[in-house]
Amino acid sequence: TIQYALRKLADEGLVYRVRGKGTFIRRKHESVMNISDAAMKGTKGIAALVRSYGIKVKNVVLVSGIITGNRFLEDKLDLQEGEPVFALHRVRYGNKEPLAIEYTYVPQKIFPDIDKIDFRTVSLYDYMADRGHLPEKYDRRLRVVKLFPKEARYLEMPVDGPAFSFELIGVDAEGRPVEYTESYIRCDKAEFSFTTRL
């Protein structure tokens, strides 16, 4: 029973084992968020995750508007050439510290009034849910990258400092791509954990 309990605690990241020495309690870093798939389950987006840690969230909108003629985004969102895309670039703050910068793109034809919404105060996912097109499935890619000067400046990090880079495509219940996001998250404010089973 004790071994089973210790295994469960280790699976949840509360303790760690050192061969030949024993099992030790893992110190919890309140300022470091777990951005793994397991941690994100039940939340919708980084703002909800940050709030779950008791951190006050603030959004600073850098860019908000309609763009056309970008074949890369049209391909990611499965759009025809020339179809408009709404761009939303934001810096996400937690307790007045920059945590992440996000470049989000959604098809305007699915959200025709999106350019009238103030995303400094409105959650993008709440808006998408209200319009009946909240992402239900995600295709995610995670890398660790060196920050470019622009992202480093917004995140108040050194140039070439490390960051988690996420590329995400969100698909609604009807199987349509409704979101393409590239985000950079500070490595000193987040961790990514995973469990493997043999």
N, C-alpha and C. Protein backbone atom coordinates (compact mmCIF):
# COMPACT_ATOMS: atom_id res chain seq x y z
N THR A 1 0.83 -1.20 0.00
CA THR A 1 0.00 0.00 0.00
C THR A 1 0.87 1.26 0.00
N ILE A 2 1.94 1.24 0.78
CA ILE A 2 2.82 2.40 0.85
C ILE A 2 3.51 2.61 -0.50
N GLN A 3 3.98 1.54 -1.11
CA GLN A 3 4.64 1.66 -2.42
C GLN A 3 3.67 2.20 -3.47
N TYR A 4 2.43 1.75 -3.43
CA TYR A 4 1.42 2.23 -4.37
C TYR A 4 1.19 3.72 -4.17
N ALA A 5 1.08 4.14 -2.90
CA ALA A 5 0.85 5.56 -2.60
C ALA A 5 2.04 6.40 -3.08
N LEU A 6 3.25 5.93 -2.88
CA LEU A 6 4.43 6.66 -3.31
C LEU A 6 4.49 6.77 -4.84
N ARG A 7 4.09 5.67 -5.52
CA ARG A 7 4.06 5.72 -6.98
C ARG A 7 3.06 6.76 -7.47
N LYS A 8 1.89 6.82 -6.83
CA LYS A 8 0.87 7.80 -7.22
C LYS A 8 1.37 9.23 -6.98
N LEU A 9 2.04 9.45 -5.86
CA LEU A 9 2.59 10.78 -5.56
C LEU A 9 3.66 11.17 -6.57
N ALA A 10 4.49 10.19 -6.97
CA ALA A 10 5.52 10.45 -7.97
C ALA A 10 4.89 10.76 -9.33
N ASP A 11 3.83 10.02 -9.70
CA ASP A 11 3.13 10.27 -10.96
C ASP A 11 2.57 11.69 -11.02
N GLU A 12 2.15 12.21 -9.86
CA GLU A 12 1.56 13.54 -9.79
C GLU A 12 2.61 14.63 -9.60
N GLY A 13 3.90 14.21 -9.51
CA GLY A 13 4.98 15.19 -9.41
C GLY A 13 5.18 15.77 -8.03
N LEU A 14 4.57 15.16 -7.02
CA LEU A 14 4.68 15.69 -5.65
C LEU A 14 5.92 15.18 -4.93
N VAL A 15 6.43 14.03 -5.36
CA VAL A 15 7.66 13.48 -4.79
C VAL A 15 8.54 13.00 -5.94
N TYR A 16 9.83 12.81 -5.66
CA TYR A 16 10.73 12.24 -6.66
C TYR A 16 11.62 11.22 -5.99
N ARG A 17 12.10 10.27 -6.79
CA ARG A 17 12.90 9.16 -6.26
C ARG A 17 14.34 9.29 -6.72
N VAL A 18 15.26 8.94 -5.81
CA VAL A 18 16.68 8.87 -6.13
C VAL A 18 17.13 7.46 -5.81
N ARG A 19 17.59 6.75 -6.86
CA ARG A 19 17.97 5.34 -6.67
C ARG A 19 19.03 5.20 -5.58
N GLY A 20 18.76 4.32 -4.64
CA GLY A 20 19.70 4.04 -3.55
C GLY A 20 19.61 5.01 -2.40
N LYS A 21 18.78 6.05 -2.53
CA LYS A 21 18.69 7.05 -1.46
C LYS A 21 17.29 7.18 -0.88
N GLY A 22 16.27 7.03 -1.74
CA GLY A 22 14.91 7.10 -1.21
C GLY A 22 14.01 8.01 -2.00
N THR A 23 12.89 8.38 -1.39
CA THR A 23 11.87 9.22 -2.00
C THR A 23 11.81 10.53 -1.25
N PHE A 24 11.75 11.62 -2.01
CA PHE A 24 11.82 12.95 -1.40
C PHE A 24 10.66 13.82 -1.87
N ILE A 25 10.21 14.72 -1.00
CA ILE A 25 9.14 15.65 -1.34
C ILE A 25 9.69 16.70 -2.29
N ARG A 26 8.96 16.93 -3.37
CA ARG A 26 9.37 17.96 -4.33
C ARG A 26 8.86 19.31 -3.87
N ARG A 27 9.75 20.26 -3.78
CA ARG A 27 9.35 21.61 -3.40
C ARG A 27 8.47 22.20 -4.48
N LYS A 28 7.36 22.77 -4.09
CA LYS A 28 6.42 23.36 -5.06
C LYS A 28 6.82 24.80 -5.34
N HIS A 29 7.03 25.13 -6.60
CA HIS A 29 7.34 26.49 -7.00
C HIS A 29 6.05 27.16 -7.45
N GLU A 30 5.51 28.01 -6.60
CA GLU A 30 4.23 28.62 -6.89
C GLU A 30 4.30 29.51 -8.14
N SER A 31 5.51 30.05 -8.42
CA SER A 31 5.62 30.98 -9.54
C SER A 31 5.84 30.27 -10.87
N VAL A 32 5.95 28.95 -10.86
CA VAL A 32 6.20 28.20 -12.08
C VAL A 32 4.96 27.40 -12.45
N MET A 33 4.41 27.67 -13.64
CA MET A 33 3.20 27.00 -14.09
C MET A 33 3.56 25.73 -14.84
N ASN A 34 2.73 24.72 -14.69
CA ASN A 34 2.88 23.49 -15.48
C ASN A 34 2.00 23.63 -16.71
N ILE A 35 2.62 23.64 -17.90
CA ILE A 35 1.87 23.84 -19.14
C ILE A 35 1.75 22.55 -19.94
N SER A 36 1.85 21.41 -19.27
CA SER A 36 1.69 20.14 -19.95
C SER A 36 0.23 19.92 -20.32
N ASP A 37 -0.01 18.95 -21.20
CA ASP A 37 -1.38 18.61 -21.59
C ASP A 37 -2.23 18.25 -20.39
N ALA A 38 -1.63 17.49 -19.43
CA ALA A 38 -2.39 17.08 -18.24
C ALA A 38 -2.78 18.29 -17.42
N ALA A 39 -1.86 19.26 -17.27
CA ALA A 39 -2.16 20.44 -16.49
C ALA A 39 -3.20 21.31 -17.16
N MET A 40 -3.19 21.34 -18.50
CA MET A 40 -4.12 22.18 -19.25
C MET A 40 -5.52 21.58 -19.32
N LYS A 41 -5.64 20.30 -19.01
CA LYS A 41 -6.95 19.64 -19.10
C LYS A 41 -7.95 20.34 -18.19
N GLY A 42 -9.09 20.68 -18.73
CA GLY A 42 -10.11 21.35 -17.94
C GLY A 42 -9.99 22.87 -18.00
N THR A 43 -8.91 23.41 -18.59
CA THR A 43 -8.79 24.84 -18.75
C THR A 43 -8.92 25.16 -20.23
N LYS A 44 -9.21 26.40 -20.52
CA LYS A 44 -9.29 26.83 -21.91
C LYS A 44 -8.34 28.00 -22.08
N GLY A 45 -7.12 27.71 -22.50
CA GLY A 45 -6.16 28.76 -22.78
C GLY A 45 -5.26 29.09 -21.61
N ILE A 46 -4.23 29.87 -21.93
CA ILE A 46 -3.22 30.19 -20.93
C ILE A 46 -3.77 31.08 -19.82
N ALA A 47 -4.72 31.97 -20.14
CA ALA A 47 -5.28 32.85 -19.11
C ALA A 47 -5.95 32.04 -18.01
N ALA A 48 -6.73 31.03 -18.41
CA ALA A 48 -7.40 30.17 -17.41
C ALA A 48 -6.37 29.41 -16.58
N LEU A 49 -5.30 28.95 -17.23
CA LEU A 49 -4.26 28.23 -16.51
C LEU A 49 -3.59 29.14 -15.50
N VAL A 50 -3.25 30.36 -15.92
CA VAL A 50 -2.60 31.32 -15.02
C VAL A 50 -3.50 31.62 -13.83
N ARG A 51 -4.79 31.83 -14.08
CA ARG A 51 -5.72 32.12 -12.98
C ARG A 51 -5.82 30.96 -12.01
N SER A 52 -5.66 29.72 -12.52
CA SER A 52 -5.75 28.55 -11.63
C SER A 52 -4.63 28.53 -10.61
N TYR A 53 -3.55 29.29 -10.86
CA TYR A 53 -2.45 29.41 -9.91
C TYR A 53 -2.64 30.61 -8.98
N GLY A 54 -3.80 31.25 -9.06
CA GLY A 54 -4.07 32.40 -8.21
C GLY A 54 -3.37 33.66 -8.67
N ILE A 55 -2.98 33.70 -9.94
CA ILE A 55 -2.23 34.83 -10.48
C ILE A 55 -3.19 35.76 -11.22
N LYS A 56 -3.06 37.05 -10.99
CA LYS A 56 -3.91 38.03 -11.67
C LYS A 56 -3.43 38.23 -13.11
N VAL A 57 -4.35 38.10 -14.05
CA VAL A 57 -4.02 38.13 -15.49
C VAL A 57 -4.34 39.51 -16.07
N LYS A 58 -3.42 39.96 -16.93
CA LYS A 58 -3.66 41.19 -17.70
C LYS A 58 -3.20 40.94 -19.13
N ASN A 59 -3.97 41.45 -20.09
CA ASN A 59 -3.63 41.33 -21.51
C ASN A 59 -3.29 42.69 -22.08
N VAL A 60 -2.18 42.78 -22.78
CA VAL A 60 -1.85 43.98 -23.54
C VAL A 60 -1.92 43.61 -25.02
N VAL A 61 -2.85 44.25 -25.74
CA VAL A 61 -3.05 43.96 -27.16
C VAL A 61 -2.06 44.79 -27.97
N LEU A 62 -1.23 44.10 -28.75
CA LEU A 62 -0.24 44.77 -29.60
C LEU A 62 -0.80 45.03 -31.00
N VAL A 63 -1.52 44.05 -31.54
CA VAL A 63 -2.10 44.15 -32.89
C VAL A 63 -3.48 43.52 -32.84
N SER A 64 -4.43 44.16 -33.52
CA SER A 64 -5.79 43.62 -33.61
C SER A 64 -6.40 44.13 -34.91
N GLY A 65 -6.68 43.22 -35.86
CA GLY A 65 -7.26 43.67 -37.11
C GLY A 65 -7.28 42.59 -38.17
N ILE A 66 -7.85 42.95 -39.31
CA ILE A 66 -8.04 42.01 -40.41
C ILE A 66 -6.85 42.10 -41.37
N ILE A 67 -6.36 40.91 -41.79
CA ILE A 67 -5.32 40.85 -42.81
C ILE A 67 -5.78 39.92 -43.93
N THR A 68 -5.26 40.13 -45.12
CA THR A 68 -5.58 39.27 -46.26
C THR A 68 -4.31 38.98 -47.04
N GLY A 69 -4.37 37.92 -47.85
CA GLY A 69 -3.28 37.62 -48.76
C GLY A 69 -2.09 36.92 -48.13
N ASN A 70 -2.26 36.34 -46.96
CA ASN A 70 -1.16 35.61 -46.33
C ASN A 70 -1.38 34.11 -46.56
N ARG A 71 -0.68 33.54 -47.53
CA ARG A 71 -0.90 32.14 -47.90
C ARG A 71 -0.55 31.19 -46.76
N PHE A 72 0.43 31.54 -45.95
CA PHE A 72 0.80 30.68 -44.81
C PHE A 72 -0.37 30.52 -43.86
N LEU A 73 -1.01 31.64 -43.49
CA LEU A 73 -2.15 31.58 -42.57
C LEU A 73 -3.37 30.94 -43.23
N GLU A 74 -3.57 31.23 -44.50
CA GLU A 74 -4.69 30.62 -45.23
C GLU A 74 -4.55 29.10 -45.24
N ASP A 75 -3.33 28.62 -45.39
CA ASP A 75 -3.08 27.18 -45.38
C ASP A 75 -3.34 26.59 -44.00
N LYS A 76 -2.86 27.27 -42.95
CA LYS A 76 -3.04 26.77 -41.58
C LYS A 76 -4.52 26.71 -41.20
N LEU A 77 -5.30 27.66 -41.71
CA LEU A 77 -6.72 27.75 -41.35
C LEU A 77 -7.64 27.16 -42.42
N ASP A 78 -7.05 26.50 -43.41
CA ASP A 78 -7.81 25.84 -44.46
C ASP A 78 -8.75 26.82 -45.17
N LEU A 79 -8.20 27.97 -45.58
CA LEU A 79 -8.98 29.00 -46.23
C LEU A 79 -8.61 29.10 -47.71
N GLN A 80 -9.53 29.66 -48.48
CA GLN A 80 -9.26 29.95 -49.88
C GLN A 80 -8.38 31.20 -49.99
N GLU A 81 -7.67 31.30 -51.09
CA GLU A 81 -6.80 32.45 -51.29
C GLU A 81 -7.60 33.75 -51.22
N GLY A 82 -7.09 34.69 -50.42
CA GLY A 82 -7.73 36.00 -50.29
C GLY A 82 -8.76 36.11 -49.19
N GLU A 83 -9.12 34.98 -48.55
CA GLU A 83 -10.10 35.06 -47.45
C GLU A 83 -9.48 35.79 -46.26
N PRO A 84 -10.24 36.69 -45.63
CA PRO A 84 -9.68 37.50 -44.54
C PRO A 84 -9.45 36.69 -43.26
N VAL A 85 -8.41 37.10 -42.55
CA VAL A 85 -8.01 36.48 -41.29
C VAL A 85 -7.93 37.58 -40.25
N PHE A 86 -8.46 37.31 -39.06
CA PHE A 86 -8.34 38.27 -37.95
C PHE A 86 -7.08 37.95 -37.17
N ALA A 87 -6.22 38.96 -36.98
CA ALA A 87 -4.97 38.80 -36.24
C ALA A 87 -5.11 39.44 -34.87
N LEU A 88 -4.66 38.72 -33.84
CA LEU A 88 -4.66 39.22 -32.47
C LEU A 88 -3.31 38.88 -31.83
N HIS A 89 -2.50 39.90 -31.60
CA HIS A 89 -1.20 39.71 -30.97
C HIS A 89 -1.27 40.31 -29.57
N ARG A 90 -0.92 39.49 -28.57
CA ARG A 90 -1.05 39.93 -27.18
C ARG A 90 0.16 39.55 -26.35
N VAL A 91 0.47 40.38 -25.36
CA VAL A 91 1.39 40.00 -24.29
C VAL A 91 0.52 39.66 -23.09
N ARG A 92 0.76 38.47 -22.51
CA ARG A 92 -0.02 38.02 -21.36
C ARG A 92 0.80 38.23 -20.09
N TYR A 93 0.25 38.99 -19.16
CA TYR A 93 0.93 39.30 -17.91
C TYR A 93 0.30 38.53 -16.75
N GLY A 94 1.13 38.15 -15.79
CA GLY A 94 0.66 37.56 -14.54
C GLY A 94 1.28 38.31 -13.39
N ASN A 95 0.42 38.90 -12.54
CA ASN A 95 0.92 39.74 -11.43
C ASN A 95 1.93 40.77 -11.93
N LYS A 96 1.60 41.42 -13.04
CA LYS A 96 2.36 42.53 -13.63
C LYS A 96 3.68 42.10 -14.27
N GLU A 97 3.93 40.81 -14.37
CA GLU A 97 5.13 40.31 -15.04
C GLU A 97 4.74 39.69 -16.38
N PRO A 98 5.47 39.96 -17.46
CA PRO A 98 5.15 39.31 -18.73
C PRO A 98 5.46 37.82 -18.67
N LEU A 99 4.47 37.01 -19.05
CA LEU A 99 4.62 35.55 -19.04
C LEU A 99 4.74 34.98 -20.44
N ALA A 100 3.98 35.56 -21.38
CA ALA A 100 3.92 34.98 -22.72
C ALA A 100 3.54 36.06 -23.73
N ILE A 101 3.94 35.82 -24.97
CA ILE A 101 3.46 36.62 -26.08
C ILE A 101 2.80 35.66 -27.06
N GLU A 102 1.61 36.03 -27.53
CA GLU A 102 0.82 35.15 -28.40
C GLU A 102 0.45 35.87 -29.69
N TYR A 103 0.63 35.15 -30.80
CA TYR A 103 0.20 35.63 -32.10
C TYR A 103 -0.91 34.69 -32.56
N THR A 104 -2.16 35.17 -32.52
CA THR A 104 -3.32 34.33 -32.80
C THR A 104 -4.03 34.83 -34.06
N TYR A 105 -4.50 33.85 -34.86
CA TYR A 105 -5.18 34.15 -36.12
C TYR A 105 -6.42 33.27 -36.22
N VAL A 106 -7.54 33.89 -36.59
CA VAL A 106 -8.79 33.14 -36.74
C VAL A 106 -9.49 33.58 -38.03
N PRO A 107 -10.28 32.68 -38.64
CA PRO A 107 -10.97 33.03 -39.89
C PRO A 107 -12.11 34.01 -39.63
N GLN A 108 -12.09 35.13 -40.32
CA GLN A 108 -13.14 36.12 -40.10
C GLN A 108 -14.51 35.60 -40.53
N LYS A 109 -14.56 34.72 -41.54
CA LYS A 109 -15.86 34.26 -42.01
C LYS A 109 -16.63 33.50 -40.93
N ILE A 110 -15.92 32.89 -40.00
CA ILE A 110 -16.58 32.17 -38.90
C ILE A 110 -16.94 33.13 -37.77
N PHE A 111 -16.17 34.21 -37.64
CA PHE A 111 -16.39 35.20 -36.56
C PHE A 111 -16.50 36.59 -37.20
N PRO A 112 -17.62 36.88 -37.87
CA PRO A 112 -17.71 38.11 -38.66
C PRO A 112 -17.63 39.41 -37.86
N ASP A 113 -17.94 39.37 -36.54
CA ASP A 113 -17.90 40.60 -35.75
C ASP A 113 -16.68 40.69 -34.85
N ILE A 114 -15.69 39.83 -35.09
CA ILE A 114 -14.56 39.73 -34.16
C ILE A 114 -13.74 41.01 -34.08
N ASP A 115 -13.69 41.78 -35.16
CA ASP A 115 -12.89 43.00 -35.15
C ASP A 115 -13.53 44.12 -34.32
N LYS A 116 -14.72 43.87 -33.80
CA LYS A 116 -15.40 44.86 -32.95
C LYS A 116 -15.23 44.56 -31.46
N ILE A 117 -14.52 43.48 -31.12
CA ILE A 117 -14.39 43.04 -29.73
C ILE A 117 -13.10 43.60 -29.12
N ASP A 118 -13.19 44.05 -27.88
CA ASP A 118 -12.02 44.55 -27.15
C ASP A 118 -11.40 43.40 -26.36
N PHE A 119 -10.34 42.81 -26.90
CA PHE A 119 -9.73 41.65 -26.27
C PHE A 119 -8.76 42.00 -25.15
N ARG A 120 -8.74 43.27 -24.77
CA ARG A 120 -8.03 43.61 -23.53
C ARG A 120 -8.81 43.11 -22.33
N THR A 121 -10.14 43.07 -22.47
CA THR A 121 -10.99 42.68 -21.34
C THR A 121 -11.82 41.43 -21.61
N VAL A 122 -11.95 41.04 -22.88
CA VAL A 122 -12.77 39.88 -23.24
C VAL A 122 -11.85 38.70 -23.55
N SER A 123 -12.18 37.53 -23.00
CA SER A 123 -11.44 36.31 -23.30
C SER A 123 -11.77 35.85 -24.72
N LEU A 124 -10.73 35.56 -25.50
CA LEU A 124 -10.96 35.06 -26.86
C LEU A 124 -11.77 33.78 -26.83
N TYR A 125 -11.45 32.86 -25.92
CA TYR A 125 -12.16 31.59 -25.88
C TYR A 125 -13.60 31.76 -25.40
N ASP A 126 -13.86 32.72 -24.51
CA ASP A 126 -15.24 32.99 -24.12
C ASP A 126 -16.02 33.52 -25.33
N TYR A 127 -15.39 34.39 -26.09
CA TYR A 127 -16.03 34.92 -27.30
C TYR A 127 -16.31 33.79 -28.29
N MET A 128 -15.33 32.92 -28.52
CA MET A 128 -15.50 31.82 -29.47
C MET A 128 -16.59 30.86 -29.00
N ALA A 129 -16.64 30.59 -27.71
CA ALA A 129 -17.69 29.72 -27.16
C ALA A 129 -19.07 30.35 -27.35
N ASP A 130 -19.15 31.67 -27.14
CA ASP A 130 -20.42 32.37 -27.30
C ASP A 130 -20.92 32.31 -28.74
N ARG A 131 -19.98 32.23 -29.69
CA ARG A 131 -20.36 32.15 -31.11
C ARG A 131 -20.50 30.71 -31.59
N GLY A 132 -20.32 29.75 -30.68
CA GLY A 132 -20.54 28.34 -31.02
C GLY A 132 -19.40 27.67 -31.75
N HIS A 133 -18.19 28.24 -31.66
CA HIS A 133 -17.05 27.67 -32.38
C HIS A 133 -15.79 27.62 -31.50
N LEU A 134 -15.96 27.19 -30.28
CA LEU A 134 -14.81 27.01 -29.39
C LEU A 134 -13.98 25.83 -29.88
N PRO A 135 -12.64 25.95 -29.91
CA PRO A 135 -11.84 24.79 -30.29
C PRO A 135 -12.10 23.60 -29.36
N GLU A 136 -12.29 22.43 -29.97
CA GLU A 136 -12.54 21.21 -29.21
C GLU A 136 -11.33 20.27 -29.24
N LYS A 137 -10.56 20.35 -30.30
CA LYS A 137 -9.36 19.53 -30.44
C LYS A 137 -8.20 20.43 -30.86
N TYR A 138 -7.00 20.02 -30.47
CA TYR A 138 -5.83 20.83 -30.77
C TYR A 138 -4.73 19.97 -31.36
N ASP A 139 -4.05 20.54 -32.32
CA ASP A 139 -2.81 19.97 -32.83
C ASP A 139 -1.71 20.91 -32.34
N ARG A 140 -0.87 20.42 -31.40
CA ARG A 140 0.14 21.27 -30.77
C ARG A 140 1.54 20.78 -31.12
N ARG A 141 2.44 21.74 -31.24
CA ARG A 141 3.86 21.43 -31.40
C ARG A 141 4.63 22.28 -30.40
N LEU A 142 5.50 21.65 -29.64
CA LEU A 142 6.29 22.35 -28.63
C LEU A 142 7.77 22.28 -28.99
N ARG A 143 8.43 23.42 -28.90
CA ARG A 143 9.89 23.49 -29.06
C ARG A 143 10.44 24.42 -27.99
N VAL A 144 11.72 24.30 -27.70
CA VAL A 144 12.43 25.28 -26.90
C VAL A 144 13.32 26.05 -27.86
N VAL A 145 13.17 27.39 -27.86
CA VAL A 145 13.86 28.23 -28.84
C VAL A 145 14.58 29.37 -28.14
N LYS A 146 15.46 30.02 -28.89
CA LYS A 146 16.07 31.27 -28.44
C LYS A 146 15.18 32.41 -28.89
N LEU A 147 14.96 33.36 -28.00
CA LEU A 147 14.07 34.47 -28.31
C LEU A 147 14.71 35.43 -29.33
N PHE A 148 13.89 35.91 -30.25
CA PHE A 148 14.30 36.99 -31.13
C PHE A 148 14.21 38.31 -30.36
N PRO A 149 14.87 39.36 -30.85
CA PRO A 149 14.89 40.63 -30.11
C PRO A 149 13.50 41.17 -29.75
N LYS A 150 12.54 41.11 -30.70
CA LYS A 150 11.21 41.66 -30.41
C LYS A 150 10.54 40.93 -29.27
N GLU A 151 10.53 39.58 -29.32
CA GLU A 151 9.89 38.80 -28.27
C GLU A 151 10.64 38.97 -26.93
N ALA A 152 11.97 39.04 -27.00
CA ALA A 152 12.76 39.23 -25.78
C ALA A 152 12.40 40.56 -25.11
N ARG A 153 12.20 41.59 -25.91
CA ARG A 153 11.86 42.91 -25.35
C ARG A 153 10.50 42.86 -24.65
N TYR A 154 9.51 42.27 -25.31
CA TYR A 154 8.18 42.22 -24.70
C TYR A 154 8.15 41.34 -23.45
N LEU A 155 8.94 40.28 -23.45
CA LEU A 155 8.95 39.36 -22.30
C LEU A 155 9.98 39.74 -21.24
N GLU A 156 10.69 40.85 -21.48
CA GLU A 156 11.70 41.35 -20.55
C GLU A 156 12.73 40.28 -20.24
N MET A 157 13.19 39.65 -21.31
CA MET A 157 14.19 38.59 -21.23
C MET A 157 15.41 38.98 -22.07
N PRO A 158 16.57 38.36 -21.79
CA PRO A 158 17.73 38.63 -22.64
C PRO A 158 17.50 38.11 -24.07
N VAL A 159 18.07 38.80 -25.04
CA VAL A 159 18.04 38.29 -26.41
C VAL A 159 18.78 36.95 -26.42
N ASP A 160 18.25 36.01 -27.16
CA ASP A 160 18.76 34.63 -27.20
C ASP A 160 18.43 33.85 -25.93
N GLY A 161 17.63 34.43 -25.02
CA GLY A 161 17.19 33.68 -23.85
C GLY A 161 16.23 32.58 -24.27
N PRO A 162 16.09 31.52 -23.45
CA PRO A 162 15.24 30.39 -23.83
C PRO A 162 13.75 30.66 -23.58
N ALA A 163 12.92 30.07 -24.41
CA ALA A 163 11.47 30.16 -24.24
C ALA A 163 10.83 28.90 -24.80
N PHE A 164 9.69 28.54 -24.23
CA PHE A 164 8.86 27.50 -24.84
C PHE A 164 8.15 28.13 -26.03
N SER A 165 8.20 27.47 -27.16
CA SER A 165 7.49 27.93 -28.35
C SER A 165 6.41 26.92 -28.69
N PHE A 166 5.16 27.38 -28.68
CA PHE A 166 4.03 26.52 -29.03
C PHE A 166 3.45 26.95 -30.36
N GLU A 167 3.19 25.98 -31.21
CA GLU A 167 2.40 26.20 -32.43
C GLU A 167 1.14 25.38 -32.26
N LEU A 168 -0.01 26.01 -32.43
CA LEU A 168 -1.28 25.36 -32.11
C LEU A 168 -2.30 25.63 -33.21
N ILE A 169 -2.99 24.57 -33.61
CA ILE A 169 -4.16 24.69 -34.49
C ILE A 169 -5.35 24.13 -33.73
N GLY A 170 -6.36 24.96 -33.52
CA GLY A 170 -7.57 24.54 -32.82
C GLY A 170 -8.70 24.27 -33.80
N VAL A 171 -9.40 23.16 -33.60
CA VAL A 171 -10.47 22.73 -34.50
C VAL A 171 -11.78 22.67 -33.71
N ASP A 172 -12.85 23.19 -34.29
CA ASP A 172 -14.14 23.19 -33.59
C ASP A 172 -14.83 21.83 -33.70
N ALA A 173 -16.03 21.74 -33.13
CA ALA A 173 -16.76 20.46 -33.10
C ALA A 173 -17.12 19.96 -34.49
N GLU A 174 -17.16 20.85 -35.47
CA GLU A 174 -17.47 20.47 -36.84
C GLU A 174 -16.22 20.11 -37.64
N GLY A 175 -15.07 20.13 -36.99
CA GLY A 175 -13.82 19.76 -37.66
C GLY A 175 -13.18 20.87 -38.46
N ARG A 176 -13.62 22.13 -38.25
CA ARG A 176 -13.05 23.25 -38.99
C ARG A 176 -11.97 23.94 -38.17
N PRO A 177 -10.82 24.26 -38.78
CA PRO A 177 -9.81 25.03 -38.06
C PRO A 177 -10.35 26.43 -37.72
N VAL A 178 -10.34 26.78 -36.44
CA VAL A 178 -10.86 28.08 -36.02
C VAL A 178 -9.79 28.93 -35.33
N GLU A 179 -8.59 28.38 -35.17
CA GLU A 179 -7.53 29.14 -34.51
C GLU A 179 -6.17 28.62 -34.96
N TYR A 180 -5.27 29.55 -35.25
CA TYR A 180 -3.85 29.22 -35.39
C TYR A 180 -3.09 30.18 -34.49
N THR A 181 -2.31 29.64 -33.57
CA THR A 181 -1.59 30.47 -32.60
C THR A 181 -0.13 30.05 -32.52
N GLU A 182 0.74 31.04 -32.49
CA GLU A 182 2.14 30.85 -32.15
C GLU A 182 2.38 31.61 -30.85
N SER A 183 2.91 30.93 -29.84
CA SER A 183 3.13 31.59 -28.56
C SER A 183 4.53 31.29 -28.05
N TYR A 184 5.04 32.25 -27.29
CA TYR A 184 6.35 32.12 -26.65
C TYR A 184 6.14 32.34 -25.16
N ILE A 185 6.54 31.36 -24.36
CA ILE A 185 6.31 31.40 -22.92
C ILE A 185 7.66 31.34 -22.21
N ARG A 186 7.84 32.19 -21.23
CA ARG A 186 9.11 32.25 -20.50
C ARG A 186 9.40 30.93 -19.79
N CYS A 187 10.61 30.41 -20.01
CA CYS A 187 10.99 29.14 -19.38
C CYS A 187 11.15 29.28 -17.87
N ASP A 188 11.43 30.49 -17.38
CA ASP A 188 11.59 30.65 -15.93
C ASP A 188 10.25 30.78 -15.23
N LYS A 189 9.16 30.86 -16.01
CA LYS A 189 7.83 30.98 -15.42
C LYS A 189 6.95 29.77 -15.70
N ALA A 190 7.49 28.79 -16.40
CA ALA A 190 6.68 27.63 -16.78
C ALA A 190 7.56 26.40 -16.88
N GLU A 191 6.92 25.25 -16.76
CA GLU A 191 7.59 23.97 -16.97
C GLU A 191 6.65 23.08 -17.76
N PHE A 192 7.23 22.13 -18.47
CA PHE A 192 6.44 21.18 -19.22
C PHE A 192 6.80 19.79 -18.73
N SER A 193 5.81 19.05 -18.23
CA SER A 193 6.08 17.71 -17.71
C SER A 193 5.24 16.71 -18.47
N PHE A 194 5.71 15.47 -18.48
CA PHE A 194 4.94 14.41 -19.13
C PHE A 194 5.25 13.10 -18.44
N THR A 195 4.33 12.17 -18.59
CA THR A 195 4.47 10.84 -18.00
C THR A 195 4.48 9.80 -19.11
N THR A 196 5.42 8.90 -19.07
CA THR A 196 5.46 7.81 -20.03
C THR A 196 5.11 6.50 -19.33
N ARG A 197 4.41 5.64 -20.02
CA ARG A 197 4.04 4.34 -19.46
C ARG A 197 4.55 3.25 -20.37
N LEU A 198 5.16 2.26 -19.80
CA LEU A 198 5.72 1.14 -20.58
C LEU A 198 4.69 0.03 -20.71
